Amino acid sequence: RQLKVMTLSIGDGANDVSMIQAADVGIGIS
């Protein structure tokens, strides 16, 4: 919102789902 940039979130667990969905590109690590 503030920087008006594209964001990429990387997560490896269920606690990262909201962060991954909030980003423009989400990467899940199994």
PDB file of all heavy atoms in Angstrom:
ATOM      1  N   ARG A   1       0.817  -1.212   0.000  1.00  0.00           N
ATOM      2  CA  ARG A   1       0.000   0.000   0.000  1.00  0.00           C
ATOM      3  C   ARG A   1       0.854   1.268   0.000  1.00  0.00           C
ATOM      4  O   ARG A   1       0.605   2.189  -0.770  1.00  0.00           O
ATOM      5  CB  ARG A   1      -0.933  -0.026   1.211  1.00  0.00           C
ATOM      6  CG  ARG A   1      -1.915   1.137   1.255  1.00  0.00           C
ATOM      7  CD  ARG A   1      -2.828   1.063   2.465  1.00  0.00           C
ATOM      8  NE  ARG A   1      -2.070   1.182   3.703  1.00  0.00           N
ATOM      9  CZ  ARG A   1      -1.955   0.222   4.625  1.00  0.00           C
ATOM     10  NH1 ARG A   1      -2.558  -0.934   4.436  1.00  0.00           N
ATOM     11  NH2 ARG A   1      -1.261   0.414   5.724  1.00  0.00           N
ATOM     12  N   GLN A   2       1.851   1.325   0.851  1.00  0.00           N
ATOM     13  CA  GLN A   2       2.625   2.551   1.009  1.00  0.00           C
ATOM     14  C   GLN A   2       3.692   2.734  -0.067  1.00  0.00           C
ATOM     15  O   GLN A   2       3.884   3.834  -0.562  1.00  0.00           O
ATOM     16  CB  GLN A   2       3.289   2.572   2.399  1.00  0.00           C
ATOM     17  CG  GLN A   2       2.322   2.609   3.551  1.00  0.00           C
ATOM     18  CD  GLN A   2       1.561   3.919   3.642  1.00  0.00           C
ATOM     19  OE1 GLN A   2       2.007   4.952   3.163  1.00  0.00           O
ATOM     20  NE2 GLN A   2       0.386   3.873   4.248  1.00  0.00           N
ATOM     21  N   LEU A   3       4.423   1.671  -0.397  1.00  0.00           N
ATOM     22  CA  LEU A   3       5.510   1.791  -1.359  1.00  0.00           C
ATOM     23  C   LEU A   3       5.070   1.565  -2.796  1.00  0.00           C
ATOM     24  O   LEU A   3       5.833   1.829  -3.720  1.00  0.00           O
ATOM     25  CB  LEU A   3       6.641   0.812  -1.002  1.00  0.00           C
ATOM     26  CG  LEU A   3       7.276   0.994   0.370  1.00  0.00           C
ATOM     27  CD1 LEU A   3       8.390  -0.013   0.566  1.00  0.00           C
ATOM     28  CD2 LEU A   3       7.798   2.411   0.545  1.00  0.00           C
ATOM     29  N   LYS A   4       3.857   1.032  -2.975  1.00  0.00           N
ATOM     30  CA  LYS A   4       3.302   0.759  -4.308  1.00  0.00           C
ATOM     31  C   LYS A   4       4.275  -0.069  -5.157  1.00  0.00           C
ATOM     32  O   LYS A   4       4.641   0.298  -6.273  1.00  0.00           O
ATOM     33  CB  LYS A   4       2.942   2.062  -5.012  1.00  0.00           C
ATOM     34  CG  LYS A   4       1.909   2.861  -4.233  1.00  0.00           C
ATOM     35  CD  LYS A   4       1.254   3.892  -5.058  1.00  0.00           C
ATOM     36  CE  LYS A   4       0.196   4.697  -4.375  1.00  0.00           C
ATOM     37  NZ  LYS A   4      -0.018   4.587  -2.994  1.00  0.00           N
ATOM     38  N   VAL A   5       4.677  -1.205  -4.599  1.00  0.00           N
ATOM     39  CA  VAL A   5       5.576  -2.139  -5.275  1.00  0.00           C
ATOM     40  C   VAL A   5       4.921  -3.506  -5.319  1.00  0.00           C
ATOM     41  O   VAL A   5       3.952  -3.765  -4.615  1.00  0.00           O
ATOM     42  CB  VAL A   5       6.943  -2.235  -4.546  1.00  0.00           C
ATOM     43  CG1 VAL A   5       7.688  -0.926  -4.637  1.00  0.00           C
ATOM     44  CG2 VAL A   5       6.772  -2.657  -3.108  1.00  0.00           C
ATOM     45  N   MET A   6       5.475  -4.370  -6.163  1.00  0.00           N
ATOM     46  CA  MET A   6       5.022  -5.762  -6.188  1.00  0.00           C
ATOM     47  C   MET A   6       5.721  -6.511  -5.065  1.00  0.00           C
ATOM     48  O   MET A   6       6.901  -6.295  -4.812  1.00  0.00           O
ATOM     49  CB  MET A   6       5.337  -6.416  -7.526  1.00  0.00           C
ATOM     50  CG  MET A   6       4.468  -5.915  -8.651  1.00  0.00           C
ATOM     51  SD  MET A   6       4.660  -6.899 -10.125  1.00  0.00           S
ATOM     52  CE  MET A   6       3.908  -8.415  -9.608  1.00  0.00           C
ATOM     53  N   THR A   7       4.995  -7.394  -4.417  1.00  0.00           N
ATOM     54  CA  THR A   7       5.553  -8.136  -3.301  1.00  0.00           C
ATOM     55  C   THR A   7       5.584  -9.627  -3.598  1.00  0.00           C
ATOM     56  O   THR A   7       4.743 -10.142  -4.334  1.00  0.00           O
ATOM     57  CB  THR A   7       4.735  -7.891  -2.020  1.00  0.00           C
ATOM     58  OG1 THR A   7       3.374  -8.226  -2.277  1.00  0.00           O
ATOM     59  CG2 THR A   7       4.830  -6.448  -1.571  1.00  0.00           C
ATOM     60  N   LEU A   8       6.566 -10.298  -3.004  1.00  0.00           N
ATOM     61  CA  LEU A   8       6.730 -11.734  -3.128  1.00  0.00           C
ATOM     62  C   LEU A   8       6.847 -12.297  -1.726  1.00  0.00           C
ATOM     63  O   LEU A   8       7.642 -11.802  -0.929  1.00  0.00           O
ATOM     64  CB  LEU A   8       7.994 -12.063  -3.934  1.00  0.00           C
ATOM     65  CG  LEU A   8       8.389 -13.526  -3.933  1.00  0.00           C
ATOM     66  CD1 LEU A   8       7.930 -14.165  -5.219  1.00  0.00           C
ATOM     67  CD2 LEU A   8       9.873 -13.670  -3.792  1.00  0.00           C
ATOM     68  N   SER A   9       6.031 -13.284  -1.415  1.00  0.00           N
ATOM     69  CA  SER A   9       6.087 -13.918  -0.095  1.00  0.00           C
ATOM     70  C   SER A   9       6.446 -15.386  -0.260  1.00  0.00           C
ATOM     71  O   SER A   9       5.945 -16.056  -1.156  1.00  0.00           O
ATOM     72  CB  SER A   9       4.742 -13.808   0.620  1.00  0.00           C
ATOM     73  OG  SER A   9       4.490 -12.479   0.974  1.00  0.00           O
ATOM     74  N   ILE A  10       7.301 -15.848   0.635  1.00  0.00           N
ATOM     75  CA  ILE A  10       7.750 -17.237   0.614  1.00  0.00           C
ATOM     76  C   ILE A  10       7.445 -17.830   1.979  1.00  0.00           C
ATOM     77  O   ILE A  10       7.794 -17.250   3.002  1.00  0.00           O
ATOM     78  CB  ILE A  10       9.262 -17.318   0.333  1.00  0.00           C
ATOM     79  CG1 ILE A  10       9.581 -16.586  -0.961  1.00  0.00           C
ATOM     80  CG2 ILE A  10       9.712 -18.754   0.258  1.00  0.00           C
ATOM     81  CD1 ILE A  10      11.045 -16.334  -1.165  1.00  0.00           C
ATOM     82  N   GLY A  11       6.796 -18.980   1.991  1.00  0.00           N
ATOM     83  CA  GLY A  11       6.465 -19.622   3.250  1.00  0.00           C
ATOM     84  C   GLY A  11       6.546 -21.123   3.148  1.00  0.00           C
ATOM     85  O   GLY A  11       6.469 -21.701   2.065  1.00  0.00           O
ATOM     86  N   ASP A  12       6.705 -21.746   4.325  1.00  0.00           N
ATOM     87  CA  ASP A  12       6.833 -23.201   4.331  1.00  0.00           C
ATOM     88  C   ASP A  12       5.851 -23.882   5.260  1.00  0.00           C
ATOM     89  O   ASP A  12       5.969 -25.069   5.514  1.00  0.00           O
ATOM     90  CB  ASP A  12       8.258 -23.601   4.715  1.00  0.00           C
ATOM     91  CG  ASP A  12       8.587 -23.250   6.153  1.00  0.00           C
ATOM     92  OD1 ASP A  12       7.858 -22.426   6.748  1.00  0.00           O
ATOM     93  OD2 ASP A  12       9.555 -23.797   6.688  1.00  0.00           O
ATOM     94  N   GLY A  13       4.879 -23.154   5.762  1.00  0.00           N
ATOM     95  CA  GLY A  13       3.951 -23.779   6.684  1.00  0.00           C
ATOM     96  C   GLY A  13       2.587 -23.131   6.647  1.00  0.00           C
ATOM     97  O   GLY A  13       2.348 -22.144   5.955  1.00  0.00           O
ATOM     98  N   ALA A  14       1.678 -23.688   7.437  1.00  0.00           N
ATOM     99  CA  ALA A  14       0.305 -23.192   7.465  1.00  0.00           C
ATOM    100  C   ALA A  14       0.218 -21.789   8.063  1.00  0.00           C
ATOM    101  O   ALA A  14      -0.711 -21.041   7.760  1.00  0.00           O
ATOM    102  CB  ALA A  14      -0.585 -24.152   8.252  1.00  0.00           C
ATOM    103  N   ASN A  15       1.199 -21.413   8.899  1.00  0.00           N
ATOM    104  CA  ASN A  15       1.168 -20.079   9.488  1.00  0.00           C
ATOM    105  C   ASN A  15       1.565 -18.990   8.488  1.00  0.00           C
ATOM    106  O   ASN A  15       1.456 -17.810   8.786  1.00  0.00           O
ATOM    107  CB  ASN A  15       2.078 -20.014  10.722  1.00  0.00           C
ATOM    108  CG  ASN A  15       3.512 -20.354  10.396  1.00  0.00           C
ATOM    109  OD1 ASN A  15       3.795 -20.935   9.352  1.00  0.00           O
ATOM    110  ND2 ASN A  15       4.412 -20.008  11.280  1.00  0.00           N
ATOM    111  N   ASP A  16       2.013 -19.365   7.290  1.00  0.00           N
ATOM    112  CA  ASP A  16       2.408 -18.393   6.280  1.00  0.00           C
ATOM    113  C   ASP A  16       1.344 -18.172   5.211  1.00  0.00           C
ATOM    114  O   ASP A  16       1.557 -17.392   4.292  1.00  0.00           O
ATOM    115  CB  ASP A  16       3.703 -18.858   5.594  1.00  0.00           C
ATOM    116  CG  ASP A  16       4.862 -18.967   6.558  1.00  0.00           C
ATOM    117  OD1 ASP A  16       4.944 -18.124   7.465  1.00  0.00           O
ATOM    118  OD2 ASP A  16       5.678 -19.893   6.405  1.00  0.00           O
ATOM    119  N   VAL A  17       0.217 -18.835   5.323  1.00  0.00           N
ATOM    120  CA  VAL A  17      -0.810 -18.781   4.276  1.00  0.00           C
ATOM    121  C   VAL A  17      -1.344 -17.363   4.105  1.00  0.00           C
ATOM    122  O   VAL A  17      -1.454 -16.878   2.970  1.00  0.00           O
ATOM    123  CB  VAL A  17      -1.952 -19.765   4.580  1.00  0.00           C
ATOM    124  CG1 VAL A  17      -3.118 -19.556   3.639  1.00  0.00           C
ATOM    125  CG2 VAL A  17      -1.456 -21.192   4.496  1.00  0.00           C
ATOM    126  N   SER A  18      -1.650 -16.653   5.167  1.00  0.00           N
ATOM    127  CA  SER A  18      -2.209 -15.304   5.029  1.00  0.00           C
ATOM    128  C   SER A  18      -1.195 -14.344   4.418  1.00  0.00           C
ATOM    129  O   SER A  18      -1.567 -13.466   3.637  1.00  0.00           O
ATOM    130  CB  SER A  18      -2.692 -14.784   6.381  1.00  0.00           C
ATOM    131  OG  SER A  18      -1.626 -14.755   7.308  1.00  0.00           O
ATOM    132  N   MET A  19       0.076 -14.517   4.732  1.00  0.00           N
ATOM    133  CA  MET A  19       1.120 -13.678   4.151  1.00  0.00           C
ATOM    134  C   MET A  19       1.255 -13.965   2.654  1.00  0.00           C
ATOM    135  O   MET A  19       1.376 -13.047   1.846  1.00  0.00           O
ATOM    136  CB  MET A  19       2.447 -13.945   4.859  1.00  0.00           C
ATOM    137  CG  MET A  19       3.640 -13.277   4.234  1.00  0.00           C
ATOM    138  SD  MET A  19       5.195 -13.757   4.988  1.00  0.00           S
ATOM    139  CE  MET A  19       5.302 -15.471   4.506  1.00  0.00           C
ATOM    140  N   ILE A  20       1.212 -15.233   2.283  1.00  0.00           N
ATOM    141  CA  ILE A  20       1.353 -15.619   0.885  1.00  0.00           C
ATOM    142  C   ILE A  20       0.170 -15.099   0.066  1.00  0.00           C
ATOM    143  O   ILE A  20       0.333 -14.624  -1.055  1.00  0.00           O
ATOM    144  CB  ILE A  20       1.500 -17.149   0.765  1.00  0.00           C
ATOM    145  CG1 ILE A  20       2.867 -17.582   1.303  1.00  0.00           C
ATOM    146  CG2 ILE A  20       1.316 -17.619  -0.660  1.00  0.00           C
ATOM    147  CD1 ILE A  20       3.040 -19.070   1.437  1.00  0.00           C
ATOM    148  N   GLN A  21      -1.029 -15.167   0.635  1.00  0.00           N
ATOM    149  CA  GLN A  21      -2.210 -14.692  -0.087  1.00  0.00           C
ATOM    150  C   GLN A  21      -2.258 -13.175  -0.174  1.00  0.00           C
ATOM    151  O   GLN A  21      -2.858 -12.633  -1.090  1.00  0.00           O
ATOM    152  CB  GLN A  21      -3.466 -15.234   0.568  1.00  0.00           C
ATOM    153  CG  GLN A  21      -3.650 -16.714   0.352  1.00  0.00           C
ATOM    154  CD  GLN A  21      -4.888 -17.260   1.048  1.00  0.00           C
ATOM    155  OE1 GLN A  21      -5.338 -16.706   2.045  1.00  0.00           O
ATOM    156  NE2 GLN A  21      -5.416 -18.352   0.525  1.00  0.00           N
ATOM    157  N   ALA A  22      -1.613 -12.472   0.747  1.00  0.00           N
ATOM    158  CA  ALA A  22      -1.616 -11.013   0.708  1.00  0.00           C
ATOM    159  C   ALA A  22      -0.646 -10.465  -0.332  1.00  0.00           C
ATOM    160  O   ALA A  22      -0.797  -9.335  -0.783  1.00  0.00           O
ATOM    161  CB  ALA A  22      -1.265 -10.447   2.086  1.00  0.00           C
ATOM    162  N   ALA A  23       0.342 -11.256  -0.724  1.00  0.00           N
ATOM    163  CA  ALA A  23       1.356 -10.802  -1.679  1.00  0.00           C
ATOM    164  C   ALA A  23       0.870 -10.944  -3.113  1.00  0.00           C
ATOM    165  O   ALA A  23      -0.088 -11.653  -3.401  1.00  0.00           O
ATOM    166  CB  ALA A  23       2.645 -11.596  -1.475  1.00  0.00           C
ATOM    167  N   ASP A  24       1.574 -10.256  -4.013  1.00  0.00           N
ATOM    168  CA  ASP A  24       1.256 -10.384  -5.431  1.00  0.00           C
ATOM    169  C   ASP A  24       1.634 -11.769  -5.953  1.00  0.00           C
ATOM    170  O   ASP A  24       0.919 -12.346  -6.751  1.00  0.00           O
ATOM    171  CB  ASP A  24       2.002  -9.315  -6.234  1.00  0.00           C
ATOM    172  CG  ASP A  24       1.503  -7.919  -5.918  1.00  0.00           C
ATOM    173  OD1 ASP A  24       0.287  -7.705  -5.984  1.00  0.00           O
ATOM    174  OD2 ASP A  24       2.332  -7.052  -5.592  1.00  0.00           O
ATOM    175  N   VAL A  25       2.789 -12.255  -5.519  1.00  0.00           N
ATOM    176  CA  VAL A  25       3.264 -13.583  -5.913  1.00  0.00           C
ATOM    177  C   VAL A  25       3.563 -14.360  -4.646  1.00  0.00           C
ATOM    178  O   VAL A  25       4.278 -13.873  -3.771  1.00  0.00           O
ATOM    179  CB  VAL A  25       4.530 -13.492  -6.792  1.00  0.00           C
ATOM    180  CG1 VAL A  25       5.025 -14.874  -7.170  1.00  0.00           C
ATOM    181  CG2 VAL A  25       4.263 -12.664  -8.027  1.00  0.00           C
ATOM    182  N   GLY A  26       3.009 -15.557  -4.536  1.00  0.00           N
ATOM    183  CA  GLY A  26       3.231 -16.390  -3.367  1.00  0.00           C
ATOM    184  C   GLY A  26       3.920 -17.686  -3.741  1.00  0.00           C
ATOM    185  O   GLY A  26       3.536 -18.348  -4.697  1.00  0.00           O
ATOM    186  N   ILE A  27       4.955 -18.027  -2.972  1.00  0.00           N
ATOM    187  CA  ILE A  27       5.711 -19.251  -3.223  1.00  0.00           C
ATOM    188  C   ILE A  27       5.648 -20.102  -1.972  1.00  0.00           C
ATOM    189  O   ILE A  27       5.975 -19.641  -0.880  1.00  0.00           O
ATOM    190  CB  ILE A  27       7.171 -18.940  -3.588  1.00  0.00           C
ATOM    191  CG1 ILE A  27       7.227 -18.124  -4.874  1.00  0.00           C
ATOM    192  CG2 ILE A  27       7.974 -20.229  -3.741  1.00  0.00           C
ATOM    193  CD1 ILE A  27       8.606 -17.702  -5.274  1.00  0.00           C
ATOM    194  N   GLY A  28       5.230 -21.339  -2.143  1.00  0.00           N
ATOM    195  CA  GLY A  28       5.187 -22.280  -1.033  1.00  0.00           C
ATOM    196  C   GLY A  28       6.332 -23.268  -1.130  1.00  0.00           C
ATOM    197  O   GLY A  28       6.618 -23.799  -2.196  1.00  0.00           O
ATOM    198  N   ILE A  29       7.003 -23.487  -0.012  1.00  0.00           N
ATOM    199  CA  ILE A  29       8.101 -24.438   0.049  1.00  0.00           C
ATOM    200  C   ILE A  29       7.612 -25.645   0.825  1.00  0.00           C
ATOM    201  O   ILE A  29       7.144 -25.523   1.955  1.00  0.00           O
ATOM    202  CB  ILE A  29       9.343 -23.826   0.724  1.00  0.00           C
ATOM    203  CG1 ILE A  29       9.801 -22.608  -0.061  1.00  0.00           C
ATOM    204  CG2 ILE A  29      10.447 -24.853   0.830  1.00  0.00           C
ATOM    205  CD1 ILE A  29      10.916 -21.851   0.591  1.00  0.00           C
ATOM    206  N   SER A  30       7.729 -26.821   0.224  1.00  0.00           N
ATOM    207  CA  SER A  30       7.235 -28.026   0.877  1.00  0.00           C
ATOM    208  C   SER A  30       8.372 -28.694   1.645  1.00  0.00           C
ATOM    209  O   SER A  30       9.097 -29.513   1.115  1.00  0.00           O
ATOM    210  CB  SER A  30       6.645 -28.993  -0.152  1.00  0.00           C
ATOM    211  OG  SER A  30       7.632 -29.349  -1.083  1.00  0.00           O
TER     212      SER A  30
END
